[in-house]
Each structure stands twice: as C-alpha cells, then as structure tokens.
Amino acid sequence: MAPSSSSSPSSPERRIDAAEGYLMLEMPEQALRELRVVEARVGSEDMLQTSIARLRGEAYRLQRDYAEGVRQFLAAQSDAPEDLEVSIGLAWCLKRTDRLEEAIDVMMSAYQFHEDEPIVLYNLACYFALASNKVQSLSWLGRAIRMEGSLRDLVIDETDFDGLRHDADFQLIVSDR
C-alpha cells in the first residue's frame, strides 16, 4: 500500500511543519524556503494559504522586516480574524513600524475573541504604556497580572513600561505584595 500524500516527506503539511520547526529554531530563511515550495504546490485558493501567510509573517518578523511582516499577517488575518498568533504577530510588527494606534486596535479586536488570554491584556498594557495612556496601561496590566501572576516577571525587562517604572501606581501593581 502506498503512503498517503499527507505522510509523504514532501507533502505540503510536512513542509509547513518543517517551516514551523525552522521558526522555532529562529531560522527564518529556511522557513521561507519551505513555504515557497508549499505555495508552488498548492493553489492560491488552498486552505493552507492562511498558515503560509502567518508563518511568512513570523519569518519576516524574525528577520526584522516588520513592514513585510505586517503585509503577511494582514493576509492571514483576512481569513482568520480570530487567530491569536496572527493578531499578536501583526500588532508586534505594527508597533515596530510606528503604527501604534493600529497595533492597539488589533489587540482590542483580539480581546473580543480571547478575553481570557492574559497575554492579550499584557500586550494591551504595553501598547497603552507606549501611547502614554497610563490609566489604560495600568488597568490592562493589573488585570493581566491577576489572571497570570507570572507575567509580573516579564515587566522587569519590558522596555515598553520604562515611562511608568517610577510611577507609584505602577510599582504597586507589579509588586508581589
């Protein structure tokens, strides 16, 4: 019996898995190479296009090509607006292309789908801190830390909060009490 195409070493699904592996190893060039092979084999209408666009966005994010990352994540988001990985990647790249308000909008939309995900609230706190909106930043940060106390450890190295570091309300929220 011949193996199915999904178990073939060069099947699109295996190539996508390989691309994900390369991204975990922070090898974006290799991931993009795998994705080019997949795209050459599947049609532009294929269901895999959302995954391909998301993974490309991640690869370009790792390469610090944030403008291209935005383009790829937007393509993925058009088919999967509720995908949290896409929203986080898109907002990350938008922030780094000086489109902070759009990054906030993306994360606010993500919150509509993922209100129980502390990382969404944490990212909103970061972006509002960068936008010099102390009240919103501290509100989101306090809620995020109440949901997931370990996020407090991220605050130490998070430069997004540098403008609030010496604020008494900020210190109260991030203290271990």
C-alpha atoms as a PDB file:
ATOM      1  CA  MET A   1       0.000   0.000   0.000  1.00  0.00           C
ATOM      2  CA  ALA A   2       1.391   3.395  -0.977  1.00  0.00           C
ATOM      3  CA  PRO A   3       1.704   6.040   1.758  1.00  0.00           C
ATOM      4  CA  SER A   4      -0.843   8.829   1.720  1.00  0.00           C
ATOM      5  CA  SER A   5       0.205  12.210   0.436  1.00  0.00           C
ATOM      6  CA  SER A   6      -0.112  13.692   3.927  1.00  0.00           C
ATOM      7  CA  SER A   7       2.593  11.333   5.188  1.00  0.00           C
ATOM      8  CA  SER A   8       4.919  11.958   2.259  1.00  0.00           C
ATOM      9  CA  PRO A   9       8.148  13.676   3.319  1.00  0.00           C
ATOM     10  CA  SER A  10       7.477  16.452   0.812  1.00  0.00           C
ATOM     11  CA  SER A  11       3.736  16.875   1.383  1.00  0.00           C
ATOM     12  CA  PRO A  12       2.561  20.462   1.958  1.00  0.00           C
ATOM     13  CA  GLU A  13       1.611  19.642   5.547  1.00  0.00           C
ATOM     14  CA  ARG A  14       5.076  18.249   6.281  1.00  0.00           C
ATOM     15  CA  ARG A  15       6.696  21.269   4.673  1.00  0.00           C
ATOM     16  CA  ILE A  16       4.560  23.561   6.838  1.00  0.00           C
ATOM     17  CA  ASP A  17       5.600  21.557   9.904  1.00  0.00           C
ATOM     18  CA  ALA A  18       9.212  21.947   8.811  1.00  0.00           C
ATOM     19  CA  ALA A  19       8.736  25.708   8.399  1.00  0.00           C
ATOM     20  CA  GLU A  20       7.291  25.904  11.919  1.00  0.00           C
ATOM     21  CA  GLY A  21      10.284  23.973  13.216  1.00  0.00           C
ATOM     22  CA  TYR A  22      12.702  26.310  11.485  1.00  0.00           C
ATOM     23  CA  LEU A  23      10.907  29.280  13.015  1.00  0.00           C
ATOM     24  CA  MET A  24      11.176  27.749  16.481  1.00  0.00           C
ATOM     25  CA  LEU A  25      14.916  27.456  15.831  1.00  0.00           C
ATOM     26  CA  GLU A  26      14.939  31.093  14.637  1.00  0.00           C
ATOM     27  CA  MET A  27      15.941  30.108  11.107  1.00  0.00           C
ATOM     28  CA  PRO A  28      13.614  32.307   9.035  1.00  0.00           C
ATOM     29  CA  GLU A  29      15.398  31.884   5.694  1.00  0.00           C
ATOM     30  CA  GLN A  30      14.935  28.112   5.834  1.00  0.00           C
ATOM     31  CA  ALA A  31      11.293  28.540   6.844  1.00  0.00           C
ATOM     32  CA  LEU A  32      10.663  30.841   3.891  1.00  0.00           C
ATOM     33  CA  ARG A  33      12.309  28.306   1.569  1.00  0.00           C
ATOM     34  CA  GLU A  34       9.921  25.581   2.796  1.00  0.00           C
ATOM     35  CA  LEU A  35       6.941  27.913   2.388  1.00  0.00           C
ATOM     36  CA  ARG A  36       7.927  28.737  -1.203  1.00  0.00           C
ATOM     37  CA  VAL A  37       7.884  25.019  -2.002  1.00  0.00           C
ATOM     38  CA  VAL A  38       4.460  24.616  -0.392  1.00  0.00           C
ATOM     39  CA  GLU A  39       2.996  27.589  -2.226  1.00  0.00           C
ATOM     40  CA  ALA A  40       4.308  26.288  -5.546  1.00  0.00           C
ATOM     41  CA  ARG A  41       2.425  23.038  -4.931  1.00  0.00           C
ATOM     42  CA  VAL A  42      -0.891  24.369  -3.672  1.00  0.00           C
ATOM     43  CA  GLY A  43      -3.245  26.753  -5.381  1.00  0.00           C
ATOM     44  CA  SER A  44      -3.801  30.303  -4.263  1.00  0.00           C
ATOM     45  CA  GLU A  45      -7.273  29.314  -3.058  1.00  0.00           C
ATOM     46  CA  ASP A  46      -5.945  26.489  -0.890  1.00  0.00           C
ATOM     47  CA  MET A  47      -6.870  26.388   2.794  1.00  0.00           C
ATOM     48  CA  LEU A  48      -3.162  26.334   3.623  1.00  0.00           C
ATOM     49  CA  GLN A  49      -2.736  29.944   2.448  1.00  0.00           C
ATOM     50  CA  THR A  50      -3.646  31.317   5.899  1.00  0.00           C
ATOM     51  CA  SER A  51      -0.998  29.150   7.547  1.00  0.00           C
ATOM     52  CA  ILE A  52       1.521  30.091   4.882  1.00  0.00           C
ATOM     53  CA  ALA A  53       0.846  33.817   5.378  1.00  0.00           C
ATOM     54  CA  ARG A  54       1.064  33.500   9.191  1.00  0.00           C
ATOM     55  CA  LEU A  55       4.341  31.612   9.015  1.00  0.00           C
ATOM     56  CA  ARG A  56       5.734  34.079   6.495  1.00  0.00           C
ATOM     57  CA  GLY A  57       4.760  36.890   8.845  1.00  0.00           C
ATOM     58  CA  GLU A  58       6.681  35.163  11.633  1.00  0.00           C
ATOM     59  CA  ALA A  59       9.702  34.655   9.394  1.00  0.00           C
ATOM     60  CA  TYR A  60       9.774  38.313   8.356  1.00  0.00           C
ATOM     61  CA  ARG A  61       9.288  39.336  11.991  1.00  0.00           C
ATOM     62  CA  LEU A  62      12.363  37.291  12.911  1.00  0.00           C
ATOM     63  CA  GLN A  63      14.264  38.957  10.063  1.00  0.00           C
ATOM     64  CA  ARG A  64      13.141  42.342  11.421  1.00  0.00           C
ATOM     65  CA  ASP A  65      11.390  43.127   8.134  1.00  0.00           C
ATOM     66  CA  TYR A  66       8.367  44.420  10.011  1.00  0.00           C
ATOM     67  CA  ALA A  67       6.693  46.084   7.028  1.00  0.00           C
ATOM     68  CA  GLU A  68       6.621  42.773   5.141  1.00  0.00           C
ATOM     69  CA  GLY A  69       5.561  41.060   8.360  1.00  0.00           C
ATOM     70  CA  VAL A  70       2.565  43.398   8.547  1.00  0.00           C
ATOM     71  CA  ARG A  71       1.648  42.565   4.955  1.00  0.00           C
ATOM     72  CA  GLN A  72       1.801  38.819   5.576  1.00  0.00           C
ATOM     73  CA  PHE A  73      -0.046  38.938   8.902  1.00  0.00           C
ATOM     74  CA  LEU A  74      -2.777  41.090   7.329  1.00  0.00           C
ATOM     75  CA  ALA A  75      -3.203  38.457   4.615  1.00  0.00           C
ATOM     76  CA  ALA A  76      -3.553  35.764   7.276  1.00  0.00           C
ATOM     77  CA  GLN A  77      -5.897  37.890   9.368  1.00  0.00           C
ATOM     78  CA  SER A  78      -8.297  38.437   6.477  1.00  0.00           C
ATOM     79  CA  ASP A  79      -9.056  34.697   6.531  1.00  0.00           C
ATOM     80  CA  ALA A  80      -8.698  34.125  10.280  1.00  0.00           C
ATOM     81  CA  PRO A  81      -9.544  37.269  12.263  1.00  0.00           C
ATOM     82  CA  GLU A  82      -9.817  35.268  15.477  1.00  0.00           C
ATOM     83  CA  ASP A  83      -6.326  33.703  15.233  1.00  0.00           C
ATOM     84  CA  LEU A  84      -4.426  34.889  18.298  1.00  0.00           C
ATOM     85  CA  GLU A  85      -0.964  34.166  16.885  1.00  0.00           C
ATOM     86  CA  VAL A  86      -1.776  36.281  13.844  1.00  0.00           C
ATOM     87  CA  SER A  87      -3.082  39.156  15.975  1.00  0.00           C
ATOM     88  CA  ILE A  88      -0.061  39.160  18.264  1.00  0.00           C
ATOM     89  CA  GLY A  89       2.358  38.992  15.327  1.00  0.00           C
ATOM     90  CA  LEU A  90       0.523  41.709  13.438  1.00  0.00           C
ATOM     91  CA  ALA A  91       0.433  44.035  16.445  1.00  0.00           C
ATOM     92  CA  TRP A  92       4.134  43.346  17.127  1.00  0.00           C
ATOM     93  CA  CYS A  93       5.055  44.360  13.580  1.00  0.00           C
ATOM     94  CA  LEU A  94       2.703  47.357  13.536  1.00  0.00           C
ATOM     95  CA  LYS A  95       4.305  48.684  16.719  1.00  0.00           C
ATOM     96  CA  ARG A  96       7.723  48.433  15.127  1.00  0.00           C
ATOM     97  CA  THR A  97       6.580  50.294  12.002  1.00  0.00           C
ATOM     98  CA  ASP A  98       5.372  53.259  14.089  1.00  0.00           C
ATOM     99  CA  ARG A  99       1.719  52.283  13.737  1.00  0.00           C
ATOM    100  CA  LEU A 100       0.988  52.051  17.458  1.00  0.00           C
ATOM    101  CA  GLU A 101      -2.679  53.033  17.247  1.00  0.00           C
ATOM    102  CA  GLU A 102      -3.278  50.256  14.726  1.00  0.00           C
ATOM    103  CA  ALA A 103      -1.441  47.813  16.996  1.00  0.00           C
ATOM    104  CA  ILE A 104      -3.775  48.788  19.829  1.00  0.00           C
ATOM    105  CA  ASP A 105      -6.795  48.318  17.551  1.00  0.00           C
ATOM    106  CA  VAL A 106      -5.585  44.837  16.560  1.00  0.00           C
ATOM    107  CA  MET A 107      -5.144  43.805  20.178  1.00  0.00           C
ATOM    108  CA  MET A 108      -8.526  45.270  21.155  1.00  0.00           C
ATOM    109  CA  SER A 109     -10.065  43.111  18.422  1.00  0.00           C
ATOM    110  CA  ALA A 110      -8.097  40.114  19.685  1.00  0.00           C
ATOM    111  CA  TYR A 111      -9.529  40.772  23.130  1.00  0.00           C
ATOM    112  CA  GLN A 112     -13.031  40.336  21.715  1.00  0.00           C
ATOM    113  CA  PHE A 113     -12.109  36.744  20.792  1.00  0.00           C
ATOM    114  CA  HIS A 114      -9.670  35.992  23.632  1.00  0.00           C
ATOM    115  CA  GLU A 115     -10.711  37.887  26.753  1.00  0.00           C
ATOM    116  CA  ASP A 116      -9.411  35.054  28.946  1.00  0.00           C
ATOM    117  CA  GLU A 117      -5.888  35.140  27.481  1.00  0.00           C
ATOM    118  CA  PRO A 118      -3.620  37.110  29.829  1.00  0.00           C
ATOM    119  CA  ILE A 119      -1.071  37.789  27.073  1.00  0.00           C
ATOM    120  CA  VAL A 120      -3.670  39.834  25.184  1.00  0.00           C
ATOM    121  CA  LEU A 121      -4.223  42.036  28.229  1.00  0.00           C
ATOM    122  CA  TYR A 122      -0.475  42.276  28.843  1.00  0.00           C
ATOM    123  CA  ASN A 123       0.176  43.381  25.251  1.00  0.00           C
ATOM    124  CA  LEU A 124      -2.548  45.986  25.525  1.00  0.00           C
ATOM    125  CA  ALA A 125      -0.860  47.275  28.696  1.00  0.00           C
ATOM    126  CA  CYS A 126       2.439  47.533  26.825  1.00  0.00           C
ATOM    127  CA  TYR A 127       0.966  49.377  23.870  1.00  0.00           C
ATOM    128  CA  PHE A 128      -1.025  51.792  26.019  1.00  0.00           C
ATOM    129  CA  ALA A 129       2.149  52.490  28.025  1.00  0.00           C
ATOM    130  CA  LEU A 130       3.930  53.391  24.789  1.00  0.00           C
ATOM    131  CA  ALA A 131       0.981  55.609  23.853  1.00  0.00           C
ATOM    132  CA  SER A 132       1.431  57.435  27.195  1.00  0.00           C
ATOM    133  CA  ASN A 133      -2.008  56.334  28.366  1.00  0.00           C
ATOM    134  CA  LYS A 134      -1.187  55.482  31.976  1.00  0.00           C
ATOM    135  CA  VAL A 135      -4.752  54.751  33.082  1.00  0.00           C
ATOM    136  CA  GLN A 136      -5.414  52.246  30.300  1.00  0.00           C
ATOM    137  CA  SER A 137      -1.961  50.697  30.625  1.00  0.00           C
ATOM    138  CA  LEU A 138      -2.239  50.109  34.354  1.00  0.00           C
ATOM    139  CA  SER A 139      -5.800  48.841  34.047  1.00  0.00           C
ATOM    140  CA  TRP A 140      -4.840  46.212  31.474  1.00  0.00           C
ATOM    141  CA  LEU A 141      -1.615  45.333  33.311  1.00  0.00           C
ATOM    142  CA  GLY A 142      -3.362  44.849  36.640  1.00  0.00           C
ATOM    143  CA  ARG A 143      -5.953  42.572  35.067  1.00  0.00           C
ATOM    144  CA  ALA A 144      -3.290  40.598  33.201  1.00  0.00           C
ATOM    145  CA  ILE A 145      -1.236  40.029  36.354  1.00  0.00           C
ATOM    146  CA  ARG A 146      -4.315  38.996  38.334  1.00  0.00           C
ATOM    147  CA  MET A 147      -5.050  36.415  35.629  1.00  0.00           C
ATOM    148  CA  GLU A 148      -1.451  35.208  35.352  1.00  0.00           C
ATOM    149  CA  GLY A 149       0.921  36.221  38.137  1.00  0.00           C
ATOM    150  CA  SER A 150       3.994  35.052  36.243  1.00  0.00           C
ATOM    151  CA  LEU A 151       3.558  37.969  33.828  1.00  0.00           C
ATOM    152  CA  ARG A 152       4.937  40.114  36.632  1.00  0.00           C
ATOM    153  CA  ASP A 153       8.355  38.598  35.797  1.00  0.00           C
ATOM    154  CA  LEU A 154       8.162  39.936  32.224  1.00  0.00           C
ATOM    155  CA  VAL A 155       7.639  43.502  33.407  1.00  0.00           C
ATOM    156  CA  ILE A 156      11.202  43.717  34.746  1.00  0.00           C
ATOM    157  CA  ASP A 157      12.768  43.586  31.269  1.00  0.00           C
ATOM    158  CA  GLU A 158       9.883  45.101  29.291  1.00  0.00           C
ATOM    159  CA  THR A 159      11.103  48.421  27.914  1.00  0.00           C
ATOM    160  CA  ASP A 160       7.552  49.375  26.933  1.00  0.00           C
ATOM    161  CA  PHE A 161       6.983  50.193  30.616  1.00  0.00           C
ATOM    162  CA  ASP A 162      10.058  52.405  31.030  1.00  0.00           C
ATOM    163  CA  GLY A 163       7.920  55.547  31.097  1.00  0.00           C
ATOM    164  CA  LEU A 164       5.909  54.164  34.023  1.00  0.00           C
ATOM    165  CA  ARG A 165       8.662  52.473  36.035  1.00  0.00           C
ATOM    166  CA  HIS A 166       8.896  55.171  38.691  1.00  0.00           C
ATOM    167  CA  ASP A 167       5.141  55.690  38.955  1.00  0.00           C
ATOM    168  CA  ALA A 168       3.782  54.706  42.390  1.00  0.00           C
ATOM    169  CA  ASP A 169       0.637  53.122  40.914  1.00  0.00           C
ATOM    170  CA  PHE A 170       2.746  51.053  38.503  1.00  0.00           C
ATOM    171  CA  GLN A 171       5.016  49.906  41.316  1.00  0.00           C
ATOM    172  CA  LEU A 172       2.008  48.891  43.384  1.00  0.00           C
ATOM    173  CA  ILE A 173       0.590  46.783  40.538  1.00  0.00           C
ATOM    174  CA  VAL A 174       3.837  44.957  39.830  1.00  0.00           C
ATOM    175  CA  SER A 175       4.886  44.426  43.461  1.00  0.00           C
ATOM    176  CA  ASP A 176       4.474  40.967  44.974  1.00  0.00           C
ATOM    177  CA  ARG A 177       2.537  42.428  47.922  1.00  0.00           C
END
